[in-house]
């Protein structure tokens, strides 16, 4: 049970002991026994846990030191003397409740190698993992006979970036007659806070080691090098020209598996990759934290055109985008008017300029010149004409455009149109005339797989000596889940703002993204009050680096309430 409610062990200890005895003998329980305690006993019986479980054998040594233990050990070694000599046990487990480290002793406790409910029944560590918060279990609330005279408090250790439970810290003492809160509760929470701080520091070390390995490997002209650790990705400009989504996927999976297996050597790339990838593990304190892949293009006797990055407007390999661009290129080969439609920010005007190719283009913007009073008189016969924002045309502008089309049927005219407000009768006739040769650009949310290709094209060139902008996987996933109502234009504004104003080093983290992008859209329409409430919660999370416990405290609400509200916005 968590400490949000008074412990039943404090208010009804004798009756709880009696209730447990009756439960074990199959007799009816007395009234007033807490339902959560009875449910925990029933789960233990369902899992087949014997209440008289014998003391376990010695746990075999760990094959390799887990990352959590490596970060926690300096903290735990410092605080062991604070346990005192009055009989207390400090226990560290991983996320699967396997005991990684213990110090101290409690008479009769019996330290088991795994603290899951399936192994030992009800205990504070299992409750802390389930509740993602501090939990306590006292005396007869335990299922095991050996733990009837002990009290325990456990606090989960949360990952600094993911927020996932990495393990637990528990303090076990003789039975506390006063019940909750456990007298060592503050000590357990302070220990976890120190471990989480160490984890954050070590995460920064790993990123610096990966960056150093990348810089060393990328020295020299046109070195095609990529460094990856499963969250961060550093890619040289030469490597960007060789990396296909399939090759990148292989390298991401190799980096994720490098912690468990030796990946030294050549990666097995898909057929037609066009390059080889020699992988070298990156190690820190004896741990493999990522890989560096050196890419070498395969020899090809066929002559190759010079390789260059495509314009932003043509960037993307998704099926909707490639189909749209191919269709537009095919239609643009004919010297007849072409209509490009789509939501705002999808790149209609930019694609139009690419379709025109090099050379001067006359631009008429109906957003500024609704009647085309300035643009049409300045147009010279034979010059391509780009008409932007046709949805803003006033009736005189449409009336002036129709005769132009009749007098110059071979004019190279590209019209961009954003659907929205109902078109007037004159504009509708113009759209009907152009509809036979029209292309609709897909919104960015329908080609989210193109975002990773768009990011390098949208990022401003870094200043001399500055590394290029890179992204953690968590940030990339947030970018891909966001619906982007402003499409590519909105994405470009976000990327440019980060490139120009961020003060942090290393890859862009999810916490640095705008609140709406980081948290994603609400899954249902919200009331004005819910909008204000959600905005306040997102701002608190941003101020506290995504730490939900601190954000809840700053807002004056419980952590459970914060989780409930966040879940409610996503329903």
Protein backbone atom coordinates (compact mmCIF):
# COMPACT_ATOMS: atom_id res chain seq x y z
CA UNK A 1 0.00 0.00 0.00
CA UNK A 2 1.18 3.51 -0.69
CA UNK A 3 1.53 6.19 1.91
CA UNK A 4 -1.42 8.19 0.66
CA UNK A 5 -3.67 6.31 3.09
CA UNK A 6 -3.05 5.31 6.70
CA UNK A 7 -1.54 1.85 6.94
CA UNK A 8 -4.00 -0.76 8.22
CA UNK A 9 -1.10 -2.21 10.13
CA UNK A 10 -1.11 0.98 12.19
CA UNK A 11 -4.81 1.07 12.93
CA UNK A 12 -5.73 -2.61 13.23
CA UNK A 13 -2.59 -4.64 13.74
CA UNK A 14 -4.06 -7.43 15.92
CA UNK A 15 -7.11 -7.89 13.69
CA UNK A 16 -4.88 -7.93 10.60
CA UNK A 17 -2.74 -10.71 12.08
CA UNK A 18 -5.89 -12.63 12.86
CA UNK A 19 -7.24 -11.99 9.36
CA UNK A 20 -4.05 -13.35 7.80
CA UNK A 21 -4.24 -16.51 9.96
CA UNK A 22 -7.85 -17.03 8.90
CA UNK A 23 -6.97 -16.42 5.26
CA UNK A 24 -4.21 -19.02 5.34
CA UNK A 25 -6.50 -21.57 7.01
CA UNK A 26 -9.38 -20.88 4.63
CA UNK A 27 -11.73 -19.47 7.28
CA UNK A 28 -13.95 -16.39 6.78
CA UNK A 29 -12.20 -13.07 7.29
CA UNK A 30 -13.31 -10.55 9.89
CA UNK A 31 -14.87 -7.29 8.77
CA UNK A 32 -12.81 -4.24 8.00
CA UNK A 33 -9.81 -5.95 6.39
CA UNK A 34 -8.53 -3.64 3.62
CA UNK A 35 -9.41 -4.94 0.18
CA UNK A 36 -5.99 -4.18 -1.30
CA UNK A 37 -4.27 -6.30 1.35
CA UNK A 38 -6.65 -9.22 0.82
CA UNK A 39 -6.16 -8.88 -2.96
CA UNK A 40 -2.38 -9.05 -2.48
CA UNK A 41 -2.71 -12.21 -0.37
CA UNK A 42 -4.93 -13.74 -3.04
CA UNK A 43 -2.40 -12.94 -5.77
CA UNK A 44 0.33 -14.67 -3.75
CA UNK A 45 -1.83 -17.76 -3.36
CA UNK A 46 -2.65 -17.65 -7.09
CA UNK A 47 1.08 -17.47 -7.92
CA UNK A 48 1.69 -20.49 -5.68
CA UNK A 49 3.90 -18.65 -3.17
CA UNK A 50 4.21 -20.73 0.05
CA UNK A 51 3.67 -18.56 3.11
CA UNK A 52 6.43 -20.48 4.91
CA UNK A 53 8.93 -19.97 2.11
CA UNK A 54 12.39 -21.04 3.28
CA UNK A 55 15.39 -18.75 3.23
CA UNK A 56 16.84 -18.76 -0.29
CA UNK A 57 20.22 -19.95 -1.39
CA UNK A 58 22.99 -17.44 -2.01
CA UNK A 59 22.37 -15.42 -5.15
CA UNK A 60 24.89 -16.13 -7.95
CA UNK A 61 27.14 -13.19 -8.84
CA UNK A 62 26.11 -10.91 -11.69
CA UNK A 63 27.70 -11.67 -15.08
CA UNK A 64 28.19 -7.95 -15.68
CA UNK A 65 27.46 -4.91 -13.56
CA UNK A 66 24.14 -3.33 -14.65
CA UNK A 67 24.16 0.36 -15.52
CA UNK A 68 21.82 1.13 -12.59
CA UNK A 69 24.16 -0.51 -10.11
CA UNK A 70 27.17 1.28 -11.59
CA UNK A 71 25.46 4.64 -11.09
CA UNK A 72 24.01 3.76 -7.68
CA UNK A 73 27.09 2.18 -6.10
CA UNK A 74 28.93 5.47 -5.31
CA UNK A 75 25.75 6.84 -3.72
CA UNK A 76 25.00 3.70 -1.75
CA UNK A 77 28.56 3.37 -0.49
CA UNK A 78 28.40 6.92 0.86
CA UNK A 79 25.12 6.51 2.70
CA UNK A 80 25.53 3.04 4.22
CA UNK A 81 26.91 4.51 7.48
CA UNK A 82 23.67 6.49 7.82
CA UNK A 83 21.71 3.25 8.29
CA UNK A 84 22.86 3.18 11.88
CA UNK A 85 23.33 0.21 14.12
CA UNK A 86 19.69 -0.25 15.13
CA UNK A 87 19.01 -2.94 12.53
CA UNK A 88 18.17 -1.74 9.01
CA UNK A 89 18.64 -3.24 5.56
CA UNK A 90 19.13 -1.24 2.35
CA UNK A 91 18.15 -3.04 -0.89
CA UNK A 92 18.56 -2.04 -4.54
CA UNK A 93 16.64 -3.91 -7.25
CA UNK A 94 16.34 -3.54 -11.01
CA UNK A 95 13.08 -2.99 -12.89
CA UNK A 96 12.32 -6.73 -12.72
CA UNK A 97 12.82 -6.60 -8.95
CA UNK A 98 16.00 -8.67 -9.04
CA UNK A 99 18.15 -7.75 -6.03
CA UNK A 100 21.35 -6.05 -7.23
CA UNK A 101 22.84 -4.87 -3.93
CA UNK A 102 22.19 -5.03 -0.18
CA UNK A 103 23.78 -3.59 2.96
CA UNK A 104 22.91 -3.99 6.63
CA UNK A 105 20.74 -6.64 8.21
CA UNK A 106 17.39 -7.15 9.90
CA UNK A 107 16.91 -10.22 12.13
CA UNK A 108 14.62 -12.75 10.46
CA UNK A 109 14.13 -10.82 7.24
CA UNK A 110 15.69 -13.31 4.83
CA UNK A 111 17.00 -11.50 1.74
CA UNK A 112 15.52 -13.15 -1.36
CA UNK A 113 17.18 -12.72 -4.79
CA UNK A 114 13.93 -11.56 -6.47
CA UNK A 115 11.21 -9.44 -4.83
CA UNK A 116 8.44 -9.86 -7.40
CA UNK A 117 5.00 -10.84 -6.13
CA UNK A 118 5.27 -14.07 -8.12
CA UNK A 119 8.27 -15.07 -5.97
CA UNK A 120 7.61 -13.68 -2.48
CA UNK A 121 4.10 -12.25 -2.45
CA UNK A 122 3.14 -8.78 -1.22
CA UNK A 123 6.08 -6.42 -0.55
CA UNK A 124 6.85 -2.71 -0.79
CA UNK A 125 9.22 -2.97 -3.79
CA UNK A 126 6.58 -4.64 -5.97
CA UNK A 127 4.03 -2.02 -4.90
CA UNK A 128 6.43 0.83 -5.66
CA UNK A 129 6.99 -0.45 -9.21
CA UNK A 130 3.26 -0.81 -9.79
CA UNK A 131 2.36 2.59 -8.33
CA UNK A 132 5.48 4.42 -9.63
CA UNK A 133 5.71 6.03 -6.23
CA UNK A 134 6.69 5.45 -2.62
CA UNK A 135 5.07 2.40 -1.05
CA UNK A 136 5.11 0.78 2.40
CA UNK A 137 4.21 -2.64 3.74
CA UNK A 138 4.12 -3.42 7.47
CA UNK A 139 4.13 -6.72 9.36
CA UNK A 140 1.06 -8.86 8.63
CA UNK A 141 0.42 -7.06 5.36
CA UNK A 142 3.24 -9.29 4.05
CA UNK A 143 2.31 -12.78 2.88
CA UNK A 144 5.47 -14.56 4.05
CA UNK A 145 5.80 -15.83 7.62
CA UNK A 146 9.37 -14.58 7.80
CA UNK A 147 8.33 -10.97 7.21
CA UNK A 148 5.61 -10.66 9.85
CA UNK A 149 7.81 -8.61 12.17
CA UNK A 150 9.39 -6.21 9.66
CA UNK A 151 8.35 -2.98 7.97
CA UNK A 152 9.65 -1.83 4.58
CA UNK A 153 9.46 1.35 2.50
CA UNK A 154 10.39 1.39 -1.20
CA UNK A 155 10.85 4.20 -3.74
CA UNK A 156 11.15 3.65 -7.52
CA UNK A 157 14.19 4.89 -9.44
CA UNK A 158 13.07 6.62 -12.65
CA UNK A 159 15.12 7.04 -15.81
CA UNK A 160 16.34 10.64 -16.34
CA UNK A 161 15.02 10.80 -19.92
CA UNK A 162 12.41 8.10 -20.38
CA UNK A 163 10.77 8.40 -16.97
CA UNK A 164 10.51 4.61 -16.88
CA UNK A 165 11.09 2.64 -13.71
CA UNK A 166 14.70 1.40 -13.65
CA UNK A 167 14.56 -0.21 -10.24
CA UNK A 168 13.75 0.41 -6.57
CA UNK A 169 15.46 1.35 -3.33
CA UNK A 170 14.02 -0.22 -0.18
CA UNK A 171 14.75 0.25 3.50
CA UNK A 172 13.72 -2.66 5.74
CA UNK A 173 13.54 -2.35 9.54
CA UNK A 174 11.94 -4.05 12.51
CA UNK A 175 8.19 -3.65 12.65
CA UNK A 176 7.14 -0.01 13.04
CA UNK A 177 4.39 0.06 15.64
CA UNK A 178 3.29 3.48 14.46
CA UNK A 179 2.71 2.28 10.90
CA UNK A 180 2.93 4.75 8.03
CA UNK A 181 4.84 6.85 7.31
CA UNK A 182 7.90 4.68 7.76
CA UNK A 183 10.59 6.53 9.77
CA UNK A 184 13.10 5.83 6.96
CA UNK A 185 10.81 7.08 4.17
CA UNK A 186 12.65 10.39 3.77
CA UNK A 187 15.98 8.55 3.78
CA UNK A 188 14.82 6.24 0.96
CA UNK A 189 13.54 9.17 -1.13
CA UNK A 190 16.79 11.11 -0.66
CA UNK A 191 18.77 8.05 -1.73
CA UNK A 192 16.72 7.70 -4.91
CA UNK A 193 17.09 11.42 -5.68
CA UNK A 194 20.89 11.09 -5.42
CA UNK A 195 20.90 8.00 -7.67
CA UNK A 196 18.74 9.74 -10.29
CA UNK A 197 21.14 12.69 -10.25
CA UNK A 198 24.06 10.31 -10.81
CA UNK A 199 22.17 8.71 -13.70
CA UNK A 200 21.65 12.11 -15.34
CA UNK A 201 25.34 12.94 -14.98
CA UNK A 202 26.38 9.58 -16.40
CA UNK A 203 23.99 9.97 -19.34
CA UNK A 204 25.85 13.18 -20.18
CA UNK A 205 29.18 11.36 -19.92
CA UNK A 206 28.03 8.71 -22.36
CA UNK A 207 26.94 11.34 -24.87
CA UNK A 208 30.29 13.12 -24.61
CA UNK A 209 32.16 9.84 -25.11
CA UNK A 210 30.01 9.07 -28.17
CA UNK A 211 30.64 12.58 -29.53
CA UNK A 212 34.40 12.24 -28.98
CA UNK A 213 34.41 8.90 -30.80
CA UNK A 214 32.47 10.45 -33.68
CA UNK A 215 34.81 13.43 -33.95
CA UNK A 216 37.87 11.17 -34.01
CA UNK A 217 36.37 8.92 -36.68
CA UNK A 218 35.11 11.81 -38.82
CA UNK A 219 38.46 13.59 -39.10
CA UNK A 220 39.57 13.99 -42.67
CA UNK A 221 37.81 15.12 -45.83
CA UNK A 222 34.61 13.43 -46.87
CA UNK A 223 34.70 10.77 -44.17
CA UNK A 224 31.33 8.97 -44.14
CA UNK A 225 30.81 8.23 -40.44
CA UNK A 226 27.76 7.67 -38.23
CA UNK A 227 27.76 7.31 -34.43
CA UNK A 228 24.68 5.85 -32.73
CA UNK A 229 23.69 4.66 -29.27
CA UNK A 230 20.00 3.84 -29.70
CA UNK A 231 18.91 7.35 -28.62
CA UNK A 232 21.37 9.74 -30.27
CA UNK A 233 22.60 9.85 -33.83
CA UNK A 234 25.58 11.78 -35.25
CA UNK A 235 25.95 11.58 -39.03
CA UNK A 236 28.57 13.27 -41.22
CA UNK A 237 27.54 15.01 -44.42
CA UNK A 238 29.21 12.32 -46.52
CA UNK A 239 27.35 9.60 -44.60
CA UNK A 240 24.01 11.32 -45.20
CA UNK A 241 24.50 10.75 -48.93
CA UNK A 242 25.00 7.01 -48.39
CA UNK A 243 22.49 6.26 -45.63
CA UNK A 244 19.19 4.90 -46.86
CA UNK A 245 16.34 4.28 -44.38
CA UNK A 246 17.08 0.54 -44.61
CA UNK A 247 20.80 0.96 -43.84
CA UNK A 248 20.02 3.36 -41.01
CA UNK A 249 17.58 0.85 -39.55
CA UNK A 250 20.27 -1.85 -39.55
CA UNK A 251 22.72 0.47 -37.78
CA UNK A 252 20.10 1.50 -35.19
CA UNK A 253 19.40 -2.15 -34.39
CA UNK A 254 23.14 -2.88 -34.22
CA UNK A 255 23.63 -0.02 -31.76
CA UNK A 256 20.74 -1.25 -29.62
CA UNK A 257 22.20 -4.77 -29.45
CA UNK A 258 25.80 -3.68 -28.92
CA UNK A 259 25.42 -3.71 -25.13
CA UNK A 260 24.85 -7.48 -25.13
CA UNK A 261 26.97 -8.79 -28.02
CA UNK A 262 30.28 -8.00 -29.70
CA UNK A 263 29.44 -6.08 -32.89
CA UNK A 264 33.00 -5.43 -34.10
CA UNK A 265 33.28 -5.99 -37.85
CA UNK A 266 31.12 -5.35 -40.89
CA UNK A 267 27.37 -4.91 -40.46
CA UNK A 268 25.14 -7.09 -42.61
CA UNK A 269 23.42 -4.51 -44.81
CA UNK A 270 20.45 -5.19 -47.12
CA UNK A 271 21.03 -6.02 -50.75
CA UNK A 272 21.46 -2.94 -52.89
CA UNK A 273 22.67 -0.80 -49.97
CA UNK A 274 25.43 0.63 -52.16
CA UNK A 275 27.98 0.74 -49.34
CA UNK A 276 29.64 -1.25 -46.59
CA UNK A 277 29.60 -0.36 -42.89
CA UNK A 278 32.46 -1.28 -40.59
CA UNK A 279 31.25 -1.12 -36.99
CA UNK A 280 33.39 -0.32 -33.95
CA UNK A 281 31.90 -0.37 -30.44
CA UNK A 282 32.21 2.71 -28.23
CA UNK A 283 32.98 1.84 -24.61
CA UNK A 284 32.83 3.77 -21.35
CA UNK A 285 33.92 2.31 -17.99
CA UNK A 286 33.95 -1.17 -19.48
CA UNK A 287 30.42 -0.79 -20.89
CA UNK A 288 29.49 -0.63 -24.56
CA UNK A 289 27.40 2.52 -24.95
CA UNK A 290 27.10 2.72 -28.75
CA UNK A 291 28.80 2.21 -32.09
CA UNK A 292 30.70 4.13 -34.75
CA UNK A 293 30.04 2.98 -38.32
CA UNK A 294 32.46 3.90 -41.13
CA UNK A 295 30.66 3.78 -44.49
CA UNK A 296 32.45 3.07 -47.76
CA UNK A 297 30.61 3.22 -51.12
CA UNK A 298 30.81 0.12 -53.29
CA UNK A 299 32.70 0.37 -56.57
CA UNK A 300 30.33 0.87 -59.49
CA UNK A 301 31.71 0.77 -63.05
CA UNK A 302 28.70 2.61 -64.39
CA UNK A 303 29.13 6.39 -64.65
CA UNK A 304 27.43 8.28 -61.83
CA UNK A 305 25.98 11.71 -61.77
CA UNK A 306 27.30 14.03 -59.10
CA UNK A 307 25.60 13.33 -55.80
CA UNK A 308 23.95 16.25 -54.07
CA UNK A 309 21.20 16.71 -51.56
CA UNK A 310 17.82 17.31 -53.18
CA UNK A 311 16.02 20.58 -52.58
CA UNK A 312 13.78 20.68 -49.54
CA UNK A 313 10.72 20.62 -51.77
CA UNK A 314 11.79 17.31 -53.29
CA UNK A 315 13.03 15.73 -50.05
CA UNK A 316 11.13 12.66 -48.98
CA UNK A 317 10.88 9.02 -49.95
CA UNK A 318 7.36 8.23 -48.75
CA UNK A 319 4.94 6.82 -51.29
CA UNK A 320 2.46 9.76 -51.12
CA UNK A 321 5.20 12.34 -51.61
CA UNK A 322 7.08 10.57 -54.39
CA UNK A 323 3.79 9.94 -56.24
CA UNK A 324 2.81 13.61 -55.91
CA UNK A 325 6.16 14.96 -57.09
CA UNK A 326 6.32 12.50 -59.99
CA UNK A 327 2.82 13.44 -61.12
CA UNK A 328 3.62 17.17 -60.89
CA UNK A 329 6.87 16.76 -62.87
CA UNK A 330 5.00 14.83 -65.56
CA UNK A 331 2.30 17.49 -65.91
CA UNK A 332 4.83 20.36 -65.86
CA UNK A 333 6.47 19.05 -69.03
CA UNK A 334 3.53 20.39 -71.00
CA UNK A 335 3.27 24.17 -71.50
CA UNK A 336 -0.20 24.41 -70.02
CA UNK A 337 -1.43 25.89 -66.72
CA UNK A 338 -1.02 23.69 -63.65
CA UNK A 339 -2.88 23.94 -60.32
CA UNK A 340 -1.13 22.94 -57.07
CA UNK A 341 -3.50 22.54 -54.11
CA UNK A 342 -3.00 21.51 -50.49
CA UNK A 343 -3.02 22.72 -46.92
CA UNK A 344 -0.99 25.75 -45.91
CA UNK A 345 2.68 25.02 -45.45
CA UNK A 346 2.82 21.88 -47.59
CA UNK A 347 5.30 23.49 -49.99
CA UNK A 348 3.12 24.44 -52.98
CA UNK A 349 5.04 27.59 -53.94
CA UNK A 350 8.43 25.99 -53.35
CA UNK A 351 7.52 22.99 -55.49
CA UNK A 352 6.24 25.36 -58.21
CA UNK A 353 9.64 27.08 -58.35
CA UNK A 354 11.37 23.72 -58.68
CA UNK A 355 9.03 22.78 -61.52
CA UNK A 356 9.84 26.01 -63.37
CA UNK A 357 13.56 25.26 -63.17
CA UNK A 358 16.29 27.91 -63.50
CA UNK A 359 15.54 31.25 -65.04
CA UNK A 360 13.44 34.30 -64.19
CA UNK A 361 9.87 33.78 -62.98
CA UNK A 362 7.15 36.42 -62.62
CA UNK A 363 5.44 36.05 -59.23
CA UNK A 364 1.94 37.34 -58.55
CA UNK A 365 0.77 37.07 -54.93
CA UNK A 366 -2.99 37.42 -54.54
CA UNK A 367 -2.53 37.82 -50.79
CA UNK A 368 -1.01 41.27 -51.46
CA UNK A 369 -2.50 42.11 -54.87
CA UNK A 370 -6.04 40.68 -54.82
CA UNK A 371 -7.00 42.24 -58.15
CA UNK A 372 -3.65 41.52 -59.87
CA UNK A 373 -3.53 45.23 -60.71
CA UNK A 374 0.26 45.30 -60.40
CA UNK A 375 1.30 41.80 -61.44
CA UNK A 376 -0.49 41.37 -64.75
CA UNK A 377 0.56 44.70 -66.33
CA UNK A 378 4.19 43.90 -65.39
CA UNK A 379 4.06 40.42 -66.90
CA UNK A 380 6.02 39.94 -70.09
CA UNK A 381 4.86 37.45 -72.69
CA UNK A 382 6.85 34.23 -72.64
CA UNK A 383 7.96 34.52 -69.03
CA UNK A 384 6.68 31.84 -66.61
CA UNK A 385 4.06 33.13 -64.17
CA UNK A 386 3.54 31.86 -60.61
CA UNK A 387 0.25 32.89 -59.06
CA UNK A 388 0.30 32.33 -55.29
CA UNK A 389 -2.66 32.23 -52.91
CA UNK A 390 -5.35 31.99 -55.57
CA UNK A 391 -7.91 31.60 -52.77
CA UNK A 392 -7.37 35.34 -52.00
CA UNK A 393 -8.26 36.52 -55.53
CA UNK A 394 -10.96 39.14 -55.72
CA UNK A 395 -13.45 39.15 -58.59
CA UNK A 396 -11.50 41.74 -60.65
CA UNK A 397 -8.39 39.59 -60.43
CA UNK A 398 -10.24 36.49 -61.67
CA UNK A 399 -11.83 38.56 -64.43
CA UNK A 400 -8.39 39.76 -65.54
CA UNK A 401 -6.87 36.27 -65.41
CA UNK A 402 -9.45 34.51 -67.58
CA UNK A 403 -8.77 36.66 -70.69
CA UNK A 404 -5.03 36.15 -70.18
CA UNK A 405 -5.53 32.39 -70.37
CA UNK A 406 -7.65 32.76 -73.48
CA UNK A 407 -5.09 35.01 -75.24
CA UNK A 408 -2.04 32.97 -74.20
CA UNK A 409 -3.10 29.30 -74.04
CA UNK A 410 0.57 28.23 -73.98
CA UNK A 411 1.51 30.36 -70.97
CA UNK A 412 3.60 28.55 -68.37
CA UNK A 413 1.32 29.28 -65.42
CA UNK A 414 1.43 27.57 -62.04
CA UNK A 415 -1.33 28.42 -59.57
CA UNK A 416 -1.22 27.56 -55.87
CA UNK A 417 -4.50 27.23 -54.00
CA UNK A 418 -5.25 26.46 -50.32
CA UNK A 419 -8.77 25.10 -49.82
CA UNK A 420 -10.73 26.63 -47.00
CA UNK A 421 -13.43 29.24 -47.35
CA UNK A 422 -16.03 28.63 -50.10
CA UNK A 423 -14.87 29.99 -53.46
CA UNK A 424 -17.00 32.61 -55.23
CA UNK A 425 -18.61 31.77 -58.58
CA UNK A 426 -15.87 33.45 -60.66
CA UNK A 427 -13.03 31.81 -58.76
CA UNK A 428 -14.84 28.47 -58.87
CA UNK A 429 -15.05 28.66 -62.68
CA UNK A 430 -11.30 29.31 -62.80
CA UNK A 431 -10.63 26.32 -60.53
CA UNK A 432 -12.90 24.15 -62.65
CA UNK A 433 -10.94 25.18 -65.73
CA UNK A 434 -7.66 24.18 -64.06
CA UNK A 435 -8.92 21.04 -62.31
CA UNK A 436 -8.04 18.73 -65.19
CA UNK A 437 -4.38 19.54 -64.56
CA UNK A 438 -4.14 19.72 -60.78
CA UNK A 439 -1.95 18.08 -58.14
CA UNK A 440 -2.80 17.90 -54.42
CA UNK A 441 0.18 17.96 -52.05
CA UNK A 442 -0.19 15.61 -49.04
CA UNK A 443 -0.01 17.13 -45.55
CA UNK A 444 3.06 16.31 -43.48
CA UNK A 445 1.05 14.13 -41.07
CA UNK A 446 0.34 11.75 -44.00
CA UNK A 447 4.05 11.39 -44.76
CA UNK A 448 5.55 11.46 -41.28
CA UNK A 449 8.25 9.01 -42.38
CA UNK A 450 9.77 11.89 -44.41
CA UNK A 451 10.49 13.98 -41.30
CA UNK A 452 13.89 12.38 -40.66
CA UNK A 453 14.91 13.24 -44.25
CA UNK A 454 13.53 16.76 -44.00
CA UNK A 455 15.38 17.69 -40.80
CA UNK A 456 18.90 17.94 -42.34
CA UNK A 457 17.51 19.88 -45.31
CA UNK A 458 15.66 22.33 -43.07
CA UNK A 459 18.52 22.85 -40.59
CA UNK A 460 20.58 26.00 -41.20
CA UNK A 461 24.25 25.39 -41.92
CA UNK A 462 26.14 25.53 -38.59
CA UNK A 463 28.74 28.15 -37.89
CA UNK A 464 32.36 27.13 -38.57
CA UNK A 465 33.58 24.82 -35.86
CA UNK A 466 30.07 24.02 -34.63
CA UNK A 467 28.66 20.46 -34.92
CA UNK A 468 25.55 19.89 -37.03
CA UNK A 469 22.18 19.70 -35.31
CA UNK A 470 21.31 16.11 -34.38
CA UNK A 471 18.34 14.54 -32.60
CA UNK A 472 17.71 11.87 -29.99
CA UNK A 473 15.37 9.05 -30.97
CA UNK A 474 12.88 10.22 -28.35
CA UNK A 475 12.78 13.68 -29.97
CA UNK A 476 12.40 12.13 -33.44
CA UNK A 477 9.48 10.02 -32.27
CA UNK A 478 7.77 13.13 -30.84
CA UNK A 479 8.30 14.98 -34.13
CA UNK A 480 6.83 12.06 -36.07
CA UNK A 481 3.76 11.74 -33.83
CA UNK A 482 2.86 15.45 -33.91
CA UNK A 483 0.20 16.24 -36.59
CA UNK A 484 1.91 19.47 -37.80
CA UNK A 485 -1.11 21.65 -38.68
CA UNK A 486 1.36 24.10 -40.29
CA UNK A 487 3.02 21.23 -42.19
CA UNK A 488 6.60 21.66 -43.49
CA UNK A 489 6.56 25.39 -42.82
CA UNK A 490 5.82 24.81 -39.13
CA UNK A 491 8.51 22.13 -38.91
CA UNK A 492 11.01 24.52 -40.53
CA UNK A 493 10.22 27.22 -37.92
CA UNK A 494 10.78 24.75 -35.06
CA UNK A 495 14.09 23.51 -36.51
CA UNK A 496 15.35 27.03 -37.23
CA UNK A 497 14.48 28.25 -33.73
CA UNK A 498 16.32 25.34 -32.13
CA UNK A 499 19.37 25.80 -34.37
CA UNK A 500 19.60 29.53 -33.63
CA UNK A 501 18.63 29.78 -29.97
CA UNK A 502 19.41 26.53 -28.13
CA UNK A 503 22.21 26.82 -25.58
CA UNK A 504 22.65 23.11 -24.84
CA UNK A 505 25.19 20.89 -26.54
CA UNK A 506 24.66 17.43 -27.95
CA UNK A 507 21.60 16.08 -29.75
CA UNK A 508 18.26 17.83 -29.38
CA UNK A 509 16.24 16.15 -26.63
CA UNK A 510 12.50 15.79 -26.46
CA UNK A 511 12.41 18.17 -23.49
CA UNK A 512 13.71 20.99 -25.74
CA UNK A 513 10.84 20.73 -28.23
CA UNK A 514 7.84 23.08 -27.99
CA UNK A 515 5.28 21.91 -25.45
CA UNK A 516 2.68 20.95 -28.03
CA UNK A 517 5.19 18.90 -30.04
CA UNK A 518 6.76 17.28 -26.99
CA UNK A 519 3.50 16.13 -25.42
CA UNK A 520 1.58 15.53 -28.65
CA UNK A 521 -1.97 16.66 -29.40
CA UNK A 522 -4.93 15.96 -27.18
CA UNK A 523 -6.85 12.97 -28.52
CA UNK A 524 -10.22 14.61 -27.99
CA UNK A 525 -11.65 18.14 -28.06
CA UNK A 526 -10.95 19.93 -24.78
CA UNK A 527 -13.06 22.50 -22.99
CA UNK A 528 -11.57 25.97 -22.38
CA UNK A 529 -10.90 24.99 -18.76
CA UNK A 530 -9.16 21.78 -19.85
CA UNK A 531 -7.09 23.72 -22.38
CA UNK A 532 -5.89 26.07 -19.64
CA UNK A 533 -5.27 23.19 -17.25
CA UNK A 534 -3.32 21.21 -19.86
CA UNK A 535 -1.22 24.26 -20.74
CA UNK A 536 -0.36 24.78 -17.06
CA UNK A 537 0.66 21.13 -16.66
CA UNK A 538 2.84 21.20 -19.80
CA UNK A 539 4.55 24.38 -18.63
CA UNK A 540 5.24 22.86 -15.21
CA UNK A 541 6.68 19.74 -16.85
CA UNK A 542 8.88 21.91 -19.05
CA UNK A 543 10.18 23.92 -16.07
CA UNK A 544 11.04 20.76 -14.14
CA UNK A 545 12.66 18.88 -17.03
CA UNK A 546 9.81 16.41 -17.44
CA UNK A 547 9.93 15.27 -13.80
CA UNK A 548 6.28 14.56 -13.05
CA UNK A 549 6.69 14.39 -9.27
CA UNK A 550 8.21 17.88 -9.09
CA UNK A 551 5.73 19.27 -11.59
CA UNK A 552 2.85 17.91 -9.50
CA UNK A 553 4.33 19.44 -6.34
CA UNK A 554 4.72 22.81 -8.07
CA UNK A 555 1.08 22.69 -9.20
CA UNK A 556 -0.11 21.67 -5.73
CA UNK A 557 -1.64 18.39 -6.88
CA UNK A 558 -0.78 14.75 -6.24
CA UNK A 559 1.33 12.82 -8.69
CA UNK A 560 -1.53 10.36 -9.21
CA UNK A 561 -3.79 13.29 -10.12
CA UNK A 562 -1.23 14.53 -12.65
CA UNK A 563 -1.01 11.10 -14.30
CA UNK A 564 -4.80 10.82 -14.37
CA UNK A 565 -5.20 14.20 -16.07
CA UNK A 566 -2.51 13.44 -18.66
CA UNK A 567 -4.20 10.13 -19.45
CA UNK A 568 -7.53 11.93 -19.74
CA UNK A 569 -6.21 14.30 -22.40
CA UNK A 570 -5.18 11.32 -24.54
CA UNK A 571 -8.52 9.49 -24.48
